[in-house]
Amino acid sequence: MLGLEHLTQLAYFFIFFSLFHHGFTLSVFLYPFSAPKMNVTPTMSYYLFLI
């Protein structure tokens, strides 16, 4: 049987991975729309999105 600690780590990893994946997808999808208004690099907009 899996220990509670292992399950908790697995849950945190899954949550982090899904948030990271959706954040990356959204930032890539939204960047073309925000580019004309905000003159920033894709990397900068991605970091701003994460905050």
PDB file of N, CA and C in Angstrom:
ATOM      1  N   MET A   1       0.838  -1.201   0.000  1.00  0.00           N
ATOM      2  CA  MET A   1       0.000   0.000   0.000  1.00  0.00           C
ATOM      3  C   MET A   1       0.875   1.254   0.000  1.00  0.00           C
ATOM      4  N   LEU A   2       0.379   2.272  -0.643  1.00  0.00           N
ATOM      5  CA  LEU A   2       1.109   3.533  -0.691  1.00  0.00           C
ATOM      6  C   LEU A   2       0.927   4.298   0.608  1.00  0.00           C
ATOM      7  N   GLY A   3       2.005   4.930   1.051  1.00  0.00           N
ATOM      8  CA  GLY A   3       1.921   5.729   2.268  1.00  0.00           C
ATOM      9  C   GLY A   3       1.219   7.047   1.999  1.00  0.00           C
ATOM     10  N   LEU A   4       0.737   7.672   3.056  1.00  0.00           N
ATOM     11  CA  LEU A   4       0.029   8.942   2.924  1.00  0.00           C
ATOM     12  C   LEU A   4       0.951  10.027   2.378  1.00  0.00           C
ATOM     13  N   GLU A   5       2.214   9.992   2.798  1.00  0.00           N
ATOM     14  CA  GLU A   5       3.177  10.984   2.315  1.00  0.00           C
ATOM     15  C   GLU A   5       3.347  10.889   0.808  1.00  0.00           C
ATOM     16  N   HIS A   6       3.449   9.662   0.319  1.00  0.00           N
ATOM     17  CA  HIS A   6       3.642   9.451  -1.113  1.00  0.00           C
ATOM     18  C   HIS A   6       2.428   9.945  -1.897  1.00  0.00           C
ATOM     19  N   LEU A   7       1.244   9.655  -1.381  1.00  0.00           N
ATOM     20  CA  LEU A   7       0.021  10.099  -2.053  1.00  0.00           C
ATOM     21  C   LEU A   7      -0.067  11.621  -2.076  1.00  0.00           C
ATOM     22  N   THR A   8       0.341  12.259  -0.972  1.00  0.00           N
ATOM     23  CA  THR A   8       0.308  13.715  -0.908  1.00  0.00           C
ATOM     24  C   THR A   8       1.266  14.324  -1.918  1.00  0.00           C
ATOM     25  N   GLN A   9       2.474  13.755  -2.010  1.00  0.00           N
ATOM     26  CA  GLN A   9       3.446  14.242  -2.985  1.00  0.00           C
ATOM     27  C   GLN A   9       2.916  14.067  -4.399  1.00  0.00           C
ATOM     28  N   LEU A  10       2.275  12.940  -4.657  1.00  0.00           N
ATOM     29  CA  LEU A  10       1.713  12.661  -5.969  1.00  0.00           C
ATOM     30  C   LEU A  10       0.623  13.676  -6.311  1.00  0.00           C
ATOM     31  N   ALA A  11      -0.219  13.991  -5.319  1.00  0.00           N
ATOM     32  CA  ALA A  11      -1.292  14.957  -5.531  1.00  0.00           C
ATOM     33  C   ALA A  11      -0.722  16.342  -5.823  1.00  0.00           C
ATOM     34  N   TYR A  12       0.280  16.753  -5.046  1.00  0.00           N
ATOM     35  CA  TYR A  12       0.899  18.060  -5.277  1.00  0.00           C
ATOM     36  C   TYR A  12       1.527  18.127  -6.664  1.00  0.00           C
ATOM     37  N   PHE A  13       2.191  17.040  -7.064  1.00  0.00           N
ATOM     38  CA  PHE A  13       2.828  17.009  -8.372  1.00  0.00           C
ATOM     39  C   PHE A  13       1.784  17.125  -9.478  1.00  0.00           C
ATOM     40  N   PHE A  14       0.676  16.400  -9.329  1.00  0.00           N
ATOM     41  CA  PHE A  14      -0.373  16.421 -10.347  1.00  0.00           C
ATOM     42  C   PHE A  14      -0.989  17.809 -10.461  1.00  0.00           C
ATOM     43  N   ILE A  15      -1.260  18.450  -9.305  1.00  0.00           N
ATOM     44  CA  ILE A  15      -1.835  19.794  -9.298  1.00  0.00           C
ATOM     45  C   ILE A  15      -0.870  20.783  -9.939  1.00  0.00           C
ATOM     46  N   PHE A  16       0.408  20.701  -9.561  1.00  0.00           N
ATOM     47  CA  PHE A  16       1.413  21.602 -10.115  1.00  0.00           C
ATOM     48  C   PHE A  16       1.530  21.411 -11.623  1.00  0.00           C
ATOM     49  N   PHE A  17       1.545  20.139 -12.058  1.00  0.00           N
ATOM     50  CA  PHE A  17       1.700  19.852 -13.479  1.00  0.00           C
ATOM     51  C   PHE A  17       0.513  20.371 -14.280  1.00  0.00           C
ATOM     52  N   SER A  18      -0.702  20.155 -13.778  1.00  0.00           N
ATOM     53  CA  SER A  18      -1.891  20.601 -14.500  1.00  0.00           C
ATOM     54  C   SER A  18      -1.951  22.126 -14.556  1.00  0.00           C
ATOM     55  N   LEU A  19      -1.599  22.798 -13.446  1.00  0.00           N
ATOM     56  CA  LEU A  19      -1.585  24.262 -13.439  1.00  0.00           C
ATOM     57  C   LEU A  19      -0.547  24.791 -14.413  1.00  0.00           C
ATOM     58  N   PHE A  20       0.627  24.174 -14.411  1.00  0.00           N
ATOM     59  CA  PHE A  20       1.697  24.599 -15.308  1.00  0.00           C
ATOM     60  C   PHE A  20       1.275  24.407 -16.760  1.00  0.00           C
ATOM     61  N   HIS A  21       0.664  23.255 -17.056  1.00  0.00           N
ATOM     62  CA  HIS A  21       0.248  22.940 -18.420  1.00  0.00           C
ATOM     63  C   HIS A  21      -0.818  23.914 -18.906  1.00  0.00           C
ATOM     64  N   HIS A  22      -1.833  24.152 -18.077  1.00  0.00           N
ATOM     65  CA  HIS A  22      -2.909  25.055 -18.481  1.00  0.00           C
ATOM     66  C   HIS A  22      -2.416  26.492 -18.571  1.00  0.00           C
ATOM     67  N   GLY A  23      -1.540  26.889 -17.664  1.00  0.00           N
ATOM     68  CA  GLY A  23      -0.985  28.239 -17.706  1.00  0.00           C
ATOM     69  C   GLY A  23      -0.185  28.461 -18.973  1.00  0.00           C
ATOM     70  N   PHE A  24       0.614  27.464 -19.331  1.00  0.00           N
ATOM     71  CA  PHE A  24       1.428  27.571 -20.546  1.00  0.00           C
ATOM     72  C   PHE A  24       0.537  27.640 -21.782  1.00  0.00           C
ATOM     73  N   THR A  25      -0.483  26.777 -21.839  1.00  0.00           N
ATOM     74  CA  THR A  25      -1.392  26.755 -22.983  1.00  0.00           C
ATOM     75  C   THR A  25      -2.134  28.078 -23.112  1.00  0.00           C
ATOM     76  N   LEU A  26      -2.634  28.598 -21.984  1.00  0.00           N
ATOM     77  CA  LEU A  26      -3.370  29.858 -22.011  1.00  0.00           C
ATOM     78  C   LEU A  26      -2.486  31.020 -22.425  1.00  0.00           C
ATOM     79  N   SER A  27      -1.264  31.065 -21.912  1.00  0.00           N
ATOM     80  CA  SER A  27      -0.374  32.177 -22.242  1.00  0.00           C
ATOM     81  C   SER A  27      -0.007  32.146 -23.722  1.00  0.00           C
ATOM     82  N   VAL A  28       0.230  30.951 -24.251  1.00  0.00           N
ATOM     83  CA  VAL A  28       0.552  30.825 -25.675  1.00  0.00           C
ATOM     84  C   VAL A  28      -0.656  31.217 -26.523  1.00  0.00           C
ATOM     85  N   PHE A  29      -1.849  30.836 -26.068  1.00  0.00           N
ATOM     86  CA  PHE A  29      -3.070  31.136 -26.817  1.00  0.00           C
ATOM     87  C   PHE A  29      -3.416  32.620 -26.760  1.00  0.00           C
ATOM     88  N   LEU A  30      -3.213  33.235 -25.592  1.00  0.00           N
ATOM     89  CA  LEU A  30      -3.599  34.631 -25.412  1.00  0.00           C
ATOM     90  C   LEU A  30      -2.552  35.621 -25.893  1.00  0.00           C
ATOM     91  N   TYR A  31      -1.302  35.173 -26.062  1.00  0.00           N
ATOM     92  CA  TYR A  31      -0.234  36.109 -26.414  1.00  0.00           C
ATOM     93  C   TYR A  31      -0.486  36.866 -27.716  1.00  0.00           C
ATOM     94  N   PRO A  32      -0.930  36.214 -28.801  1.00  0.00           N
ATOM     95  CA  PRO A  32      -1.167  36.964 -30.048  1.00  0.00           C
ATOM     96  C   PRO A  32      -2.184  38.087 -29.883  1.00  0.00           C
ATOM     97  N   PHE A  33      -3.136  37.920 -28.968  1.00  0.00           N
ATOM     98  CA  PHE A  33      -4.155  38.952 -28.765  1.00  0.00           C
ATOM     99  C   PHE A  33      -3.626  40.114 -27.930  1.00  0.00           C
ATOM    100  N   SER A  34      -2.731  39.817 -26.995  1.00  0.00           N
ATOM    101  CA  SER A  34      -2.230  40.863 -26.105  1.00  0.00           C
ATOM    102  C   SER A  34      -0.961  41.518 -26.644  1.00  0.00           C
ATOM    103  N   ALA A  35      -0.337  40.916 -27.661  1.00  0.00           N
ATOM    104  CA  ALA A  35       0.925  41.438 -28.187  1.00  0.00           C
ATOM    105  C   ALA A  35       0.816  42.881 -28.700  1.00  0.00           C
ATOM    106  N   PRO A  36      -0.193  43.229 -29.507  1.00  0.00           N
ATOM    107  CA  PRO A  36      -0.262  44.612 -30.003  1.00  0.00           C
ATOM    108  C   PRO A  36      -0.405  45.638 -28.887  1.00  0.00           C
ATOM    109  N   LYS A  37      -1.112  45.268 -27.817  1.00  0.00           N
ATOM    110  CA  LYS A  37      -1.352  46.215 -26.726  1.00  0.00           C
ATOM    111  C   LYS A  37      -0.153  46.287 -25.784  1.00  0.00           C
ATOM    112  N   MET A  38       0.370  45.126 -25.416  1.00  0.00           N
ATOM    113  CA  MET A  38       1.495  45.076 -24.492  1.00  0.00           C
ATOM    114  C   MET A  38       2.728  44.639 -25.263  1.00  0.00           C
ATOM    115  N   ASN A  39       3.677  45.545 -25.405  1.00  0.00           N
ATOM    116  CA  ASN A  39       4.876  45.236 -26.180  1.00  0.00           C
ATOM    117  C   ASN A  39       5.898  44.534 -25.291  1.00  0.00           C
ATOM    118  N   VAL A  40       5.646  43.262 -25.004  1.00  0.00           N
ATOM    119  CA  VAL A  40       6.552  42.476 -24.171  1.00  0.00           C
ATOM    120  C   VAL A  40       6.901  41.184 -24.898  1.00  0.00           C
ATOM    121  N   THR A  41       7.973  40.577 -24.494  1.00  0.00           N
ATOM    122  CA  THR A  41       8.387  39.320 -25.110  1.00  0.00           C
ATOM    123  C   THR A  41       7.502  38.181 -24.607  1.00  0.00           C
ATOM    124  N   PRO A  42       7.399  37.089 -25.365  1.00  0.00           N
ATOM    125  CA  PRO A  42       6.579  35.953 -24.914  1.00  0.00           C
ATOM    126  C   PRO A  42       7.015  35.425 -23.551  1.00  0.00           C
ATOM    127  N   THR A  43       8.321  35.416 -23.305  1.00  0.00           N
ATOM    128  CA  THR A  43       8.812  34.921 -22.018  1.00  0.00           C
ATOM    129  C   THR A  43       8.328  35.808 -20.881  1.00  0.00           C
ATOM    130  N   MET A  44       8.382  37.116 -21.090  1.00  0.00           N
ATOM    131  CA  MET A  44       7.953  38.053 -20.058  1.00  0.00           C
ATOM    132  C   MET A  44       6.465  37.897 -19.771  1.00  0.00           C
ATOM    133  N   SER A  45       5.658  37.770 -20.823  1.00  0.00           N
ATOM    134  CA  SER A  45       4.219  37.619 -20.614  1.00  0.00           C
ATOM    135  C   SER A  45       3.922  36.307 -19.892  1.00  0.00           C
ATOM    136  N   TYR A  46       4.723  35.290 -20.181  1.00  0.00           N
ATOM    137  CA  TYR A  46       4.531  34.008 -19.511  1.00  0.00           C
ATOM    138  C   TYR A  46       4.832  34.116 -18.024  1.00  0.00           C
ATOM    139  N   TYR A  47       5.923  34.816 -17.681  1.00  0.00           N
ATOM    140  CA  TYR A  47       6.250  34.988 -16.263  1.00  0.00           C
ATOM    141  C   TYR A  47       5.194  35.837 -15.555  1.00  0.00           C
ATOM    142  N   LEU A  48       4.692  36.858 -16.233  1.00  0.00           N
ATOM    143  CA  LEU A  48       3.648  37.693 -15.641  1.00  0.00           C
ATOM    144  C   LEU A  48       2.388  36.874 -15.399  1.00  0.00           C
ATOM    145  N   PHE A  49       2.113  35.947 -16.320  1.00  0.00           N
ATOM    146  CA  PHE A  49       0.923  35.121 -16.181  1.00  0.00           C
ATOM    147  C   PHE A  49       1.046  34.193 -14.977  1.00  0.00           C
ATOM    148  N   LEU A  50       2.268  33.742 -14.695  1.00  0.00           N
ATOM    149  CA  LEU A  50       2.472  32.810 -13.581  1.00  0.00           C
ATOM    150  C   LEU A  50       2.284  33.479 -12.230  1.00  0.00           C
ATOM    151  N   ILE A  51       2.554  34.779 -12.152  1.00  0.00           N
ATOM    152  CA  ILE A  51       2.489  35.480 -10.862  1.00  0.00           C
ATOM    153  C   ILE A  51       1.048  35.592 -10.375  1.00  0.00           C
TER     154      ILE A  51
END
